[in-house]
C-alpha atoms as a PDB file:
ATOM      1  CA  MET A   1     -18.166  15.942  -1.611  1.00  0.00           C
ATOM      2  CA  ARG A   2     -20.880  13.840  -0.847  1.00  0.00           C
ATOM      3  CA  ARG A   3     -22.558  12.267  -3.849  1.00  0.00           C
ATOM      4  CA  ASN A   4     -25.678  11.125  -1.758  1.00  0.00           C
ATOM      5  CA  HIS A   5     -26.688  13.721   0.795  1.00  0.00           C
ATOM      6  CA  SER A   6     -29.566  11.423   2.168  1.00  0.00           C
ATOM      7  CA  ALA A   7     -27.168   8.628   3.216  1.00  0.00           C
ATOM      8  CA  PRO A   8     -26.661   8.376   7.022  1.00  0.00           C
ATOM      9  CA  GLU A   9     -23.286   9.662   7.687  1.00  0.00           C
ATOM     10  CA  GLY A  10     -20.801   7.266   9.596  1.00  0.00           C
ATOM     11  CA  VAL A  11     -18.309   8.707  12.112  1.00  0.00           C
ATOM     12  CA  VAL A  12     -14.708   9.068  11.703  1.00  0.00           C
ATOM     13  CA  HIS A  13     -12.778   8.610  14.850  1.00  0.00           C
ATOM     14  CA  THR A  14      -9.127   9.962  15.480  1.00  0.00           C
ATOM     15  CA  LEU A  15      -6.992   7.769  17.381  1.00  0.00           C
ATOM     16  CA  ARG A  16      -3.321   8.066  18.107  1.00  0.00           C
ATOM     17  CA  ILE A  17      -1.001   5.015  19.014  1.00  0.00           C
ATOM     18  CA  ASP A  18       2.530   5.448  20.560  1.00  0.00           C
ATOM     19  CA  SER A  19       4.238   2.671  18.633  1.00  0.00           C
ATOM     20  CA  GLU A  20       6.858   0.698  20.432  1.00  0.00           C
ATOM     21  CA  CYS A  21       8.534  -0.889  17.212  1.00  0.00           C
ATOM     22  CA  LEU A  22       8.816   2.426  15.491  1.00  0.00           C
ATOM     23  CA  LYS A  23      10.896   4.100  18.083  1.00  0.00           C
ATOM     24  CA  GLY A  24      14.460   5.063  16.984  1.00  0.00           C
ATOM     25  CA  ASN A  25      13.839   4.274  13.448  1.00  0.00           C
ATOM     26  CA  LEU A  26      16.604   5.426  11.098  1.00  0.00           C
ATOM     27  CA  LEU A  27      14.771   8.181   9.282  1.00  0.00           C
ATOM     28  CA  GLY A  28      13.792   9.803  12.614  1.00  0.00           C
ATOM     29  CA  ASP A  29      10.122   9.665  11.834  1.00  0.00           C
ATOM     30  CA  PRO A  30       7.604   9.900  14.585  1.00  0.00           C
ATOM     31  CA  ALA A  31       6.600   6.817  16.657  1.00  0.00           C
ATOM     32  CA  ARG A  32       3.355   8.457  17.577  1.00  0.00           C
ATOM     33  CA  ARG A  33       0.843   7.504  14.993  1.00  0.00           C
ATOM     34  CA  ARG A  34      -2.595   8.910  14.069  1.00  0.00           C
ATOM     35  CA  ILE A  35      -5.306   6.319  12.786  1.00  0.00           C
ATOM     36  CA  ASP A  36      -8.498   7.491  11.516  1.00  0.00           C
ATOM     37  CA  VAL A  37     -11.292   4.887  12.108  1.00  0.00           C
ATOM     38  CA  TYR A  38     -14.608   4.907  10.262  1.00  0.00           C
ATOM     39  CA  VAL A  39     -17.642   3.359  11.818  1.00  0.00           C
ATOM     40  CA  PRO A  40     -20.770   3.246   9.684  1.00  0.00           C
ATOM     41  CA  ALA A  41     -23.945   4.952  11.034  1.00  0.00           C
ATOM     42  CA  GLY A  42     -26.210   3.154  13.555  1.00  0.00           C
ATOM     43  CA  HIS A  43     -23.024   1.045  14.833  1.00  0.00           C
ATOM     44  CA  ASP A  44     -20.493   1.263  17.501  1.00  0.00           C
ATOM     45  CA  GLY A  45     -18.249  -1.124  15.532  1.00  0.00           C
ATOM     46  CA  ARG A  46     -18.720  -4.204  17.660  1.00  0.00           C
ATOM     47  CA  GLY A  47     -19.028  -7.317  15.725  1.00  0.00           C
ATOM     48  CA  LEU A  48     -18.221  -5.805  12.329  1.00  0.00           C
ATOM     49  CA  PRO A  49     -15.680  -6.734  10.035  1.00  0.00           C
ATOM     50  CA  LEU A  50     -12.360  -4.658   9.848  1.00  0.00           C
ATOM     51  CA  LEU A  51     -10.848  -3.341   6.616  1.00  0.00           C
ATOM     52  CA  VAL A  52      -7.459  -1.622   6.646  1.00  0.00           C
ATOM     53  CA  ASP A  53      -6.734   1.068   3.908  1.00  0.00           C
ATOM     54  CA  LEU A  54      -3.187   1.260   2.724  1.00  0.00           C
ATOM     55  CA  ALA A  55      -2.387   4.221   1.006  1.00  0.00           C
ATOM     56  CA  GLY A  56      -0.341   4.657  -2.220  1.00  0.00           C
ATOM     57  CA  TYR A  57       3.244   6.478  -2.201  1.00  0.00           C
ATOM     58  CA  THR A  58       3.118  10.031  -1.117  1.00  0.00           C
ATOM     59  CA  GLY A  59      -0.159   9.552   0.507  1.00  0.00           C
ATOM     60  CA  SER A  60      -1.487   8.640   4.126  1.00  0.00           C
ATOM     61  CA  GLY A  61      -4.661   7.065   5.358  1.00  0.00           C
ATOM     62  CA  LEU A  62      -5.631  10.396   6.748  1.00  0.00           C
ATOM     63  CA  GLY A  63      -5.769  11.970   3.158  1.00  0.00           C
ATOM     64  CA  HIS A  64      -8.447   9.243   2.496  1.00  0.00           C
ATOM     65  CA  THR A  65     -10.606  10.950   5.317  1.00  0.00           C
ATOM     66  CA  ASN A  66     -10.141  14.537   4.215  1.00  0.00           C
ATOM     67  CA  TRP A  67     -12.657  16.643   2.050  1.00  0.00           C
ATOM     68  CA  LYS A  68     -12.183  15.832  -1.566  1.00  0.00           C
ATOM     69  CA  ASN A  69     -13.201  18.060  -4.519  1.00  0.00           C
ATOM     70  CA  TYR A  70     -15.501  16.773  -7.054  1.00  0.00           C
ATOM     71  CA  GLY A  71     -15.373  13.198  -5.657  1.00  0.00           C
ATOM     72  CA  GLU A  72     -15.940  11.346  -2.538  1.00  0.00           C
ATOM     73  CA  ASN A  73     -13.419  10.616   0.149  1.00  0.00           C
ATOM     74  CA  VAL A  74     -13.500   7.168   1.355  1.00  0.00           C
ATOM     75  CA  PRO A  75     -15.910   7.643   4.316  1.00  0.00           C
ATOM     76  CA  GLU A  76     -18.528   9.227   2.092  1.00  0.00           C
ATOM     77  CA  ARG A  77     -18.240   6.331  -0.454  1.00  0.00           C
ATOM     78  CA  LEU A  78     -18.581   3.916   2.423  1.00  0.00           C
ATOM     79  CA  ASP A  79     -21.648   5.809   3.578  1.00  0.00           C
ATOM     80  CA  ARG A  80     -23.243   5.653   0.039  1.00  0.00           C
ATOM     81  CA  LEU A  81     -22.371   2.113  -0.617  1.00  0.00           C
ATOM     82  CA  ILE A  82     -23.798   0.902   2.718  1.00  0.00           C
ATOM     83  CA  ALA A  83     -26.872   3.052   2.503  1.00  0.00           C
ATOM     84  CA  THR A  84     -27.759   1.749  -1.052  1.00  0.00           C
ATOM     85  CA  GLY A  85     -27.289  -2.036   0.108  1.00  0.00           C
ATOM     86  CA  MET A  86     -24.229  -2.625  -2.144  1.00  0.00           C
ATOM     87  CA  MET A  87     -22.178  -3.520   0.879  1.00  0.00           C
ATOM     88  CA  PRO A  88     -22.730  -4.715   4.391  1.00  0.00           C
ATOM     89  CA  PRO A  89     -21.590  -2.319   7.040  1.00  0.00           C
ATOM     90  CA  VAL A  90     -17.826  -2.771   8.172  1.00  0.00           C
ATOM     91  CA  VAL A  91     -15.319  -0.735  10.174  1.00  0.00           C
ATOM     92  CA  VAL A  92     -12.322   0.703   8.302  1.00  0.00           C
ATOM     93  CA  ALA A  93      -9.184   1.881   9.571  1.00  0.00           C
ATOM     94  CA  PHE A  94      -6.952   4.512   8.069  1.00  0.00           C
ATOM     95  CA  PRO A  95      -3.354   4.485   9.359  1.00  0.00           C
ATOM     96  CA  ASP A  96      -0.927   7.183   8.936  1.00  0.00           C
ATOM     97  CA  CYS A  97       2.353   5.458   7.621  1.00  0.00           C
ATOM     98  CA  PHE A  98       3.773   8.267   5.758  1.00  0.00           C
ATOM     99  CA  THR A  99       7.722   8.429   6.034  1.00  0.00           C
ATOM    100  CA  ARG A 100      10.531  10.940   5.566  1.00  0.00           C
ATOM    101  CA  LEU A 101      11.158   9.202   2.066  1.00  0.00           C
ATOM    102  CA  GLY A 102       7.582  10.010   0.848  1.00  0.00           C
ATOM    103  CA  GLY A 103       5.823   6.947   1.554  1.00  0.00           C
ATOM    104  CA  ASN A 104       5.591   3.133   2.523  1.00  0.00           C
ATOM    105  CA  GLN A 105       5.717  -0.431   1.107  1.00  0.00           C
ATOM    106  CA  TYR A 106       4.357  -1.851   4.386  1.00  0.00           C
ATOM    107  CA  ILE A 107       7.152  -4.150   5.132  1.00  0.00           C
ATOM    108  CA  ASP A 108       9.741  -4.238   7.552  1.00  0.00           C
ATOM    109  CA  SER A 109      12.976  -2.354   6.640  1.00  0.00           C
ATOM    110  CA  ALA A 110      15.998  -1.323   8.670  1.00  0.00           C
ATOM    111  CA  ALA A 111      16.059   1.912   7.088  1.00  0.00           C
ATOM    112  CA  THR A 112      12.387   2.858   6.805  1.00  0.00           C
ATOM    113  CA  GLY A 113      10.988   1.044   9.889  1.00  0.00           C
ATOM    114  CA  PRO A 114       9.375  -2.041  10.877  1.00  0.00           C
ATOM    115  CA  TRP A 115       5.960  -1.233   9.320  1.00  0.00           C
ATOM    116  CA  GLU A 116       4.592  -4.909   8.910  1.00  0.00           C
ATOM    117  CA  THR A 117       5.340  -5.307  12.477  1.00  0.00           C
ATOM    118  CA  PHE A 118       3.336  -2.123  13.212  1.00  0.00           C
ATOM    119  CA  LEU A 119       0.388  -2.889  11.218  1.00  0.00           C
ATOM    120  CA  ILE A 120      -0.068  -6.438  12.601  1.00  0.00           C
ATOM    121  CA  ARG A 121       1.284  -6.507  15.972  1.00  0.00           C
ATOM    122  CA  GLU A 122       0.206  -2.905  17.146  1.00  0.00           C
ATOM    123  CA  MET A 123      -2.114  -1.280  14.918  1.00  0.00           C
ATOM    124  CA  LEU A 124      -4.735  -4.183  14.512  1.00  0.00           C
ATOM    125  CA  PRO A 125      -5.092  -5.079  18.163  1.00  0.00           C
ATOM    126  CA  PHE A 126      -5.269  -1.485  19.095  1.00  0.00           C
ATOM    127  CA  VAL A 127      -8.354  -0.863  16.902  1.00  0.00           C
ATOM    128  CA  GLU A 128      -9.841  -4.086  17.346  1.00  0.00           C
ATOM    129  CA  ASN A 129      -9.762  -3.924  21.129  1.00  0.00           C
ATOM    130  CA  ARG A 130     -11.133  -0.217  21.034  1.00  0.00           C
ATOM    131  CA  PHE A 131     -14.107  -1.023  18.699  1.00  0.00           C
ATOM    132  CA  GLY A 132     -14.661  -4.703  19.200  1.00  0.00           C
ATOM    133  CA  CYS A 133     -14.338  -5.259  15.421  1.00  0.00           C
ATOM    134  CA  GLY A 134     -12.336  -7.564  13.282  1.00  0.00           C
ATOM    135  CA  GLY A 135     -10.636 -10.659  14.644  1.00  0.00           C
ATOM    136  CA  ASP A 136      -9.748 -13.986  13.052  1.00  0.00           C
ATOM    137  CA  GLY A 137     -11.607 -14.432   9.775  1.00  0.00           C
ATOM    138  CA  ARG A 138     -12.859 -10.874   9.761  1.00  0.00           C
ATOM    139  CA  ARG A 139      -9.931  -8.723   8.596  1.00  0.00           C
ATOM    140  CA  GLY A 140      -9.357  -7.353   5.069  1.00  0.00           C
ATOM    141  CA  VAL A 141      -6.740  -5.226   3.630  1.00  0.00           C
ATOM    142  CA  PHE A 142      -7.008  -2.959   0.521  1.00  0.00           C
ATOM    143  CA  GLY A 143      -4.748  -0.305  -1.306  1.00  0.00           C
ATOM    144  CA  LYS A 144      -3.761   1.308  -4.572  1.00  0.00           C
ATOM    145  CA  SER A 145      -0.179   1.220  -5.881  1.00  0.00           C
ATOM    146  CA  SER A 146       2.188   1.058  -3.149  1.00  0.00           C
ATOM    147  CA  GLY A 147      -0.626   0.341  -0.858  1.00  0.00           C
ATOM    148  CA  GLY A 148      -1.820  -2.369  -3.380  1.00  0.00           C
ATOM    149  CA  TYR A 149       1.787  -3.728  -3.345  1.00  0.00           C
ATOM    150  CA  GLY A 150       1.457  -3.773   0.676  1.00  0.00           C
ATOM    151  CA  THR A 151      -1.783  -5.705   0.362  1.00  0.00           C
ATOM    152  CA  LEU A 152      -0.450  -8.115  -2.062  1.00  0.00           C
ATOM    153  CA  VAL A 153       2.843  -9.093   0.060  1.00  0.00           C
ATOM    154  CA  HIS A 154       0.488  -9.070   3.102  1.00  0.00           C
ATOM    155  CA  ALA A 155      -1.873 -11.500   1.590  1.00  0.00           C
ATOM    156  CA  LEU A 156       1.226 -13.594   0.305  1.00  0.00           C
ATOM    157  CA  ARG A 157       2.756 -13.763   3.791  1.00  0.00           C
ATOM    158  CA  HIS A 158      -0.252 -13.679   6.171  1.00  0.00           C
ATOM    159  CA  GLY A 159      -3.324 -14.796   4.168  1.00  0.00           C
ATOM    160  CA  GLY A 160      -5.545 -16.753   6.389  1.00  0.00           C
ATOM    161  CA  SER A 161      -3.384 -16.290   9.516  1.00  0.00           C
ATOM    162  CA  VAL A 162      -3.943 -12.260   9.699  1.00  0.00           C
ATOM    163  CA  TRP A 163      -5.928 -11.200   6.871  1.00  0.00           C
ATOM    164  CA  SER A 164      -9.029 -12.956   5.348  1.00  0.00           C
ATOM    165  CA  ALA A 165      -9.402 -10.999   2.197  1.00  0.00           C
ATOM    166  CA  ALA A 166      -7.230  -8.428   0.076  1.00  0.00           C
ATOM    167  CA  ALA A 167      -7.895  -6.099  -2.812  1.00  0.00           C
ATOM    168  CA  SER A 168      -5.012  -4.787  -4.403  1.00  0.00           C
ATOM    169  CA  HIS A 169      -5.577  -1.722  -7.179  1.00  0.00           C
ATOM    170  CA  SER A 170      -2.801  -1.463  -9.518  1.00  0.00           C
ATOM    171  CA  GLY A 171      -0.270  -2.693  -7.087  1.00  0.00           C
ATOM    172  CA  ASP A 172       3.461  -2.679  -7.577  1.00  0.00           C
ATOM    173  CA  VAL A 173       4.289  -6.159  -9.203  1.00  0.00           C
ATOM    174  CA  GLY A 174       6.723  -7.292 -12.059  1.00  0.00           C
ATOM    175  CA  PHE A 175       9.938  -5.319 -10.855  1.00  0.00           C
ATOM    176  CA  GLU A 176      11.613  -5.858 -14.114  1.00  0.00           C
ATOM    177  CA  TYR A 177       9.001  -3.867 -16.096  1.00  0.00           C
ATOM    178  CA  LEU A 178       8.422  -1.302 -13.547  1.00  0.00           C
ATOM    179  CA  TYR A 179      11.953  -0.316 -11.969  1.00  0.00           C
ATOM    180  CA  HIS A 180      14.509  -2.037 -14.353  1.00  0.00           C
ATOM    181  CA  LEU A 181      12.873  -0.975 -17.651  1.00  0.00           C
ATOM    182  CA  GLY A 182      11.074   2.061 -16.300  1.00  0.00           C
ATOM    183  CA  GLU A 183      12.375   4.229 -13.410  1.00  0.00           C
ATOM    184  CA  PHE A 184      15.993   3.446 -12.744  1.00  0.00           C
ATOM    185  CA  ALA A 185      17.543   5.319 -15.746  1.00  0.00           C
ATOM    186  CA  GLY A 186      15.373   8.451 -15.220  1.00  0.00           C
ATOM    187  CA  ALA A 187      16.425   8.560 -11.532  1.00  0.00           C
ATOM    188  CA  LEU A 188      20.054   8.485 -12.494  1.00  0.00           C
ATOM    189  CA  ARG A 189      19.561  11.317 -14.900  1.00  0.00           C
ATOM    190  CA  HIS A 190      18.006  13.527 -12.143  1.00  0.00           C
ATOM    191  CA  LEU A 191      20.854  12.472  -9.685  1.00  0.00           C
ATOM    192  CA  SER A 192      23.443  13.771 -12.250  1.00  0.00           C
ATOM    193  CA  GLY A 193      22.264  17.225 -11.306  1.00  0.00           C
ATOM    194  CA  PHE A 194      23.226  16.710  -7.713  1.00  0.00           C
ATOM    195  CA  GLY A 195      26.643  15.142  -8.667  1.00  0.00           C
ATOM    196  CA  MET A 196      25.370  11.617  -8.340  1.00  0.00           C
ATOM    197  CA  SER A 197      24.787  12.245  -4.623  1.00  0.00           C
ATOM    198  CA  ILE A 198      21.847  10.920  -2.864  1.00  0.00           C
ATOM    199  CA  GLU A 199      22.255  12.798   0.159  1.00  0.00           C
ATOM    200  CA  ALA A 200      22.765  16.232  -1.814  1.00  0.00           C
ATOM    201  CA  PHE A 201      19.499  15.359  -3.518  1.00  0.00           C
ATOM    202  CA  ILE A 202      17.572  14.441  -0.375  1.00  0.00           C
ATOM    203  CA  ARG A 203      18.837  17.578   1.484  1.00  0.00           C
ATOM    204  CA  LYS A 204      17.779  19.871  -1.408  1.00  0.00           C
ATOM    205  CA  PHE A 205      14.373  18.034  -1.776  1.00  0.00           C
ATOM    206  CA  GLU A 206      13.790  18.604   1.996  1.00  0.00           C
ATOM    207  CA  GLU A 207      14.759  22.401   1.889  1.00  0.00           C
ATOM    208  CA  GLY A 208      12.411  23.164  -0.757  1.00  0.00           C
ATOM    209  CA  PRO A 209      10.671  25.265  -1.727  1.00  0.00           C
ATOM    210  CA  LYS A 210       9.103  23.492  -4.559  1.00  0.00           C
ATOM    211  CA  ALA A 211       9.584  19.827  -5.994  1.00  0.00           C
ATOM    212  CA  LYS A 212       9.086  18.805  -9.592  1.00  0.00           C
ATOM    213  CA  ASP A 213       7.708  15.679 -11.050  1.00  0.00           C
ATOM    214  CA  ALA A 214      11.173  14.373 -11.307  1.00  0.00           C
ATOM    215  CA  ASP A 215      11.911  15.290  -7.947  1.00  0.00           C
ATOM    216  CA  TRP A 216       9.223  13.009  -6.747  1.00  0.00           C
ATOM    217  CA  HIS A 217      10.111   9.946  -9.016  1.00  0.00           C
ATOM    218  CA  THR A 218      13.686  10.152  -7.923  1.00  0.00           C
ATOM    219  CA  LEU A 219      12.645  10.112  -4.473  1.00  0.00           C
ATOM    220  CA  MET A 220      10.197   7.275  -5.057  1.00  0.00           C
ATOM    221  CA  ILE A 221      12.997   5.052  -6.324  1.00  0.00           C
ATOM    222  CA  LEU A 222      15.143   6.073  -3.352  1.00  0.00           C
ATOM    223  CA  ALA A 223      12.271   5.190  -1.041  1.00  0.00           C
ATOM    224  CA  GLN A 224      12.178   1.700  -2.690  1.00  0.00           C
ATOM    225  CA  ALA A 225      15.904   1.158  -2.355  1.00  0.00           C
ATOM    226  CA  ALA A 226      15.549   1.785   1.380  1.00  0.00           C
ATOM    227  CA  THR A 227      12.637  -0.526   1.662  1.00  0.00           C
ATOM    228  CA  PHE A 228      13.953  -3.798  -0.312  1.00  0.00           C
ATOM    229  CA  ASP A 229      17.640  -3.396  -0.024  1.00  0.00           C
ATOM    230  CA  PRO A 230      18.333  -1.028   2.985  1.00  0.00           C
ATOM    231  CA  ASP A 231      22.108  -0.309   4.046  1.00  0.00           C
ATOM    232  CA  PRO A 232      21.881   1.640   7.508  1.00  0.00           C
ATOM    233  CA  SER A 233      25.553   2.668   6.829  1.00  0.00           C
ATOM    234  CA  GLN A 234      24.330   4.936   3.915  1.00  0.00           C
ATOM    235  CA  PHE A 235      22.383   8.189   4.152  1.00  0.00           C
ATOM    236  CA  TYR A 236      19.041   7.207   5.090  1.00  0.00           C
ATOM    237  CA  GLY A 237      19.711   3.705   4.509  1.00  0.00           C
ATOM    238  CA  VAL A 238      19.687   4.284   0.728  1.00  0.00           C
ATOM    239  CA  ARG A 239      21.857   2.308  -1.725  1.00  0.00           C
ATOM    240  CA  LEU A 240      20.792   1.864  -5.499  1.00  0.00           C
ATOM    241  CA  PRO A 241      20.873  -1.631  -7.144  1.00  0.00           C
ATOM    242  CA  VAL A 242      22.624  -0.200 -10.264  1.00  0.00           C
ATOM    243  CA  ASP A 243      26.117   1.358 -11.317  1.00  0.00           C
ATOM    244  CA  LEU A 244      25.339   5.122 -10.855  1.00  0.00           C
ATOM    245  CA  HIS A 245      27.435   5.673 -14.038  1.00  0.00           C
ATOM    246  CA  THR A 246      26.406   3.163 -16.404  1.00  0.00           C
ATOM    247  CA  GLY A 247      23.007   2.034 -14.988  1.00  0.00           C
ATOM    248  CA  GLU A 248      23.983  -1.760 -15.196  1.00  0.00           C
ATOM    249  CA  LEU A 249      22.302  -3.739 -12.394  1.00  0.00           C
ATOM    250  CA  MET A 250      24.312  -5.090  -9.517  1.00  0.00           C
ATOM    251  CA  ALA A 251      23.186  -8.691  -9.445  1.00  0.00           C
ATOM    252  CA  GLU A 252      23.340  -9.128  -5.504  1.00  0.00           C
ATOM    253  CA  ARG A 253      21.523  -5.876  -4.802  1.00  0.00           C
ATOM    254  CA  TRP A 254      18.874  -6.488  -7.655  1.00  0.00           C
ATOM    255  CA  ALA A 255      18.373  -9.871  -6.294  1.00  0.00           C
ATOM    256  CA  ASN A 256      17.273  -8.573  -2.822  1.00  0.00           C
ATOM    257  CA  TRP A 257      14.663  -6.371  -4.480  1.00  0.00           C
ATOM    258  CA  LEU A 258      13.183  -9.051  -6.529  1.00  0.00           C
ATOM    259  CA  ARG A 259      12.777 -11.369  -3.592  1.00  0.00           C
ATOM    260  CA  TRP A 260      10.163  -8.911  -2.590  1.00  0.00           C
ATOM    261  CA  ASP A 261       8.397  -8.799  -6.096  1.00  0.00           C
ATOM    262  CA  PRO A 262       4.979 -10.430  -5.712  1.00  0.00           C
ATOM    263  CA  LEU A 263       5.681 -12.170  -8.822  1.00  0.00           C
ATOM    264  CA  ARG A 264       8.678 -14.043  -7.393  1.00  0.00           C
ATOM    265  CA  MET A 265       7.029 -14.491  -3.968  1.00  0.00           C
ATOM    266  CA  ALA A 266       4.092 -16.337  -5.915  1.00  0.00           C
ATOM    267  CA  ASP A 267       6.482 -18.823  -6.893  1.00  0.00           C
ATOM    268  CA  GLU A 268       6.854 -20.017  -3.138  1.00  0.00           C
ATOM    269  CA  PRO A 269       4.429 -22.850  -2.152  1.00  0.00           C
ATOM    270  CA  GLU A 270       4.104 -21.439   1.366  1.00  0.00           C
ATOM    271  CA  HIS A 271       2.872 -18.049  -0.211  1.00  0.00           C
ATOM    272  CA  LEU A 272       0.562 -19.844  -2.434  1.00  0.00           C
ATOM    273  CA  GLU A 273      -0.999 -21.730   0.363  1.00  0.00           C
ATOM    274  CA  SER A 274      -1.355 -18.363   2.404  1.00  0.00           C
ATOM    275  CA  LEU A 275      -3.304 -16.971  -0.825  1.00  0.00           C
ATOM    276  CA  ARG A 276      -5.674 -20.106  -0.765  1.00  0.00           C
ATOM    277  CA  LYS A 277      -6.693 -19.382   2.689  1.00  0.00           C
ATOM    278  CA  LEU A 278      -8.056 -16.091   1.865  1.00  0.00           C
ATOM    279  CA  LYS A 279     -12.015 -15.805   1.480  1.00  0.00           C
ATOM    280  CA  LEU A 280     -11.376 -13.239  -1.301  1.00  0.00           C
ATOM    281  CA  LEU A 281      -8.315 -11.828  -3.490  1.00  0.00           C
ATOM    282  CA  PHE A 282      -9.110  -9.175  -5.815  1.00  0.00           C
ATOM    283  CA  ILE A 283      -6.477  -7.845  -8.109  1.00  0.00           C
ATOM    284  CA  ASP A 284      -6.899  -5.039 -10.883  1.00  0.00           C
ATOM    285  CA  CYS A 285      -4.930  -2.812 -13.040  1.00  0.00           C
ATOM    286  CA  GLY A 286      -5.483  -0.367 -15.735  1.00  0.00           C
ATOM    287  CA  ASP A 287      -4.563  -1.728 -19.378  1.00  0.00           C
ATOM    288  CA  ILE A 288      -2.558   1.611 -20.023  1.00  0.00           C
ATOM    289  CA  ASP A 289      -0.962   1.965 -16.533  1.00  0.00           C
ATOM    290  CA  GLN A 290       2.173   4.368 -17.183  1.00  0.00           C
ATOM    291  CA  TYR A 291       4.202   2.286 -14.882  1.00  0.00           C
ATOM    292  CA  ASN A 292       3.912  -0.827 -16.836  1.00  0.00           C
ATOM    293  CA  LEU A 293       2.239  -2.543 -13.809  1.00  0.00           C
ATOM    294  CA  VAL A 294      -0.315  -4.330 -16.267  1.00  0.00           C
ATOM    295  CA  TYR A 295       2.174  -6.702 -17.408  1.00  0.00           C
ATOM    296  CA  GLY A 296       3.183  -7.839 -14.307  1.00  0.00           C
ATOM    297  CA  SER A 297      -0.420  -8.034 -13.256  1.00  0.00           C
ATOM    298  CA  ARG A 298      -1.262 -10.191 -16.178  1.00  0.00           C
ATOM    299  CA  ILE A 299       1.725 -12.603 -15.394  1.00  0.00           C
ATOM    300  CA  LEU A 300       0.555 -12.724 -11.774  1.00  0.00           C
ATOM    301  CA  HIS A 301      -2.795 -13.741 -12.578  1.00  0.00           C
ATOM    302  CA  ARG A 302      -1.590 -16.286 -15.037  1.00  0.00           C
ATOM    303  CA  LYS A 303       0.476 -17.926 -12.375  1.00  0.00           C
ATOM    304  CA  LEU A 304      -2.342 -17.857  -9.884  1.00  0.00           C
ATOM    305  CA  GLU A 305      -4.481 -19.394 -12.359  1.00  0.00           C
ATOM    306  CA  ALA A 306      -1.962 -22.138 -13.230  1.00  0.00           C
ATOM    307  CA  ALA A 307      -1.560 -22.930  -9.429  1.00  0.00           C
ATOM    308  CA  GLY A 308      -5.293 -23.096  -8.778  1.00  0.00           C
ATOM    309  CA  VAL A 309      -5.478 -20.162  -6.509  1.00  0.00           C
ATOM    310  CA  PRO A 310      -8.921 -18.607  -6.354  1.00  0.00           C
ATOM    311  CA  HIS A 311      -8.956 -14.912  -7.231  1.00  0.00           C
ATOM    312  CA  ILE A 312     -10.475 -12.157  -9.281  1.00  0.00           C
ATOM    313  CA  TYR A 313      -8.714 -10.244 -11.692  1.00  0.00           C
ATOM    314  CA  GLU A 314      -9.831  -7.237 -13.706  1.00  0.00           C
ATOM    315  CA  GLU A 315      -8.331  -4.920 -16.156  1.00  0.00           C
ATOM    316  CA  PHE A 316     -10.101  -1.463 -16.679  1.00  0.00           C
ATOM    317  CA  HIS A 317      -9.354   1.095 -19.656  1.00  0.00           C
ATOM    318  CA  ASP A 318      -7.477   3.759 -17.706  1.00  0.00           C
ATOM    319  CA  ASN A 319      -3.790   4.567 -16.379  1.00  0.00           C
ATOM    320  CA  HIS A 320      -2.462   4.620 -12.692  1.00  0.00           C
ATOM    321  CA  SER A 321      -4.003   8.077 -11.733  1.00  0.00           C
ATOM    322  CA  SER A 322      -7.172   8.865  -9.896  1.00  0.00           C
ATOM    323  CA  ILE A 323      -8.845   5.484  -9.908  1.00  0.00           C
ATOM    324  CA  ASP A 324     -10.552   5.622  -6.372  1.00  0.00           C
ATOM    325  CA  TYR A 325     -13.878   4.839  -8.376  1.00  0.00           C
ATOM    326  CA  ARG A 326     -12.410   1.198  -8.458  1.00  0.00           C
ATOM    327  CA  MET A 327     -13.161   0.923  -4.811  1.00  0.00           C
ATOM    328  CA  ASP A 328     -17.078   0.727  -5.734  1.00  0.00           C
ATOM    329  CA  THR A 329     -16.030  -2.716  -6.967  1.00  0.00           C
ATOM    330  CA  SER A 330     -13.526  -3.879  -4.317  1.00  0.00           C
ATOM    331  CA  LEU A 331     -15.184  -2.686  -1.256  1.00  0.00           C
ATOM    332  CA  PRO A 332     -18.501  -4.601  -1.492  1.00  0.00           C
ATOM    333  CA  LEU A 333     -16.473  -7.682  -2.381  1.00  0.00           C
ATOM    334  CA  LEU A 334     -14.409  -7.448   0.496  1.00  0.00           C
ATOM    335  CA  ALA A 335     -17.382  -6.558   3.022  1.00  0.00           C
ATOM    336  CA  LYS A 336     -19.492  -9.536   1.534  1.00  0.00           C
ATOM    337  CA  ALA A 337     -16.536 -11.805   1.931  1.00  0.00           C
ATOM    338  CA  LEU A 338     -16.175 -10.923   5.666  1.00  0.00           C
ATOM    339  CA  ALA A 339     -19.793 -10.508   6.497  1.00  0.00           C
END
């Protein structure tokens, strides 16, 4: 629903790309992917900066361009922000990166697929060549939750070389607080109803007819396992980093997860140097985030301060849910940094 009916409407173009790198992925997900691309009113895209929206777990970029009740979808938000002068015009790409395991962390995995490669080597040139937008020094990435995690990891690995600005809303950071102390035990409790069989759980989930909250939380943990520590010999490449009976962490398996924690990645000099090359790094989190992400976010903020990495860190009094309103803060910052 549009809040400002007088704002000129941009155009959302629907593109489809046949990905080479996603062909033959272990999950059997389609390699043909849709990308919605927003171009602001009065522009054809040429010469404008490009932002890429990474959706959160269970989401897709396509969900961000759909009609939304009692709130704006992202193109409507962009129309309002641009029309009121809060931000300069930009092109925004909304790629569909949904997977059979319910979502994406936007890194390469032998189980879920090479999504980092897809975004950088295939999606970006595809969109930029079509609209004449973006290019070196003119690309930004943003997202919430798993999309915020993808934003942080891409900034840590490709800041300055691919991305020049990044905004993470409540991104996954601080894996001990999020997974070890928060989610693994719940997943094991739920799997007990399926004989501790990951395959039995997933097959029942896919059969339906209705998923409960505990189903989604368990699927999320299995999706993360297939991302951070894939084992192609297992069903859907999933193996958990804990003993299924006692819940004890398996050190080698857990170490594979931790190497992808932005908190650990920020200890590496090359990753800090990537962040220093960004024109803007924005990080926020709700101070009552139900996934404990505020604690990892605070630690990351202190690490970046100690390392002299320029960034903006904000906390807001809210939890992890329904926080699209925070884009009123991040999108203008991104667009101005790249303009």
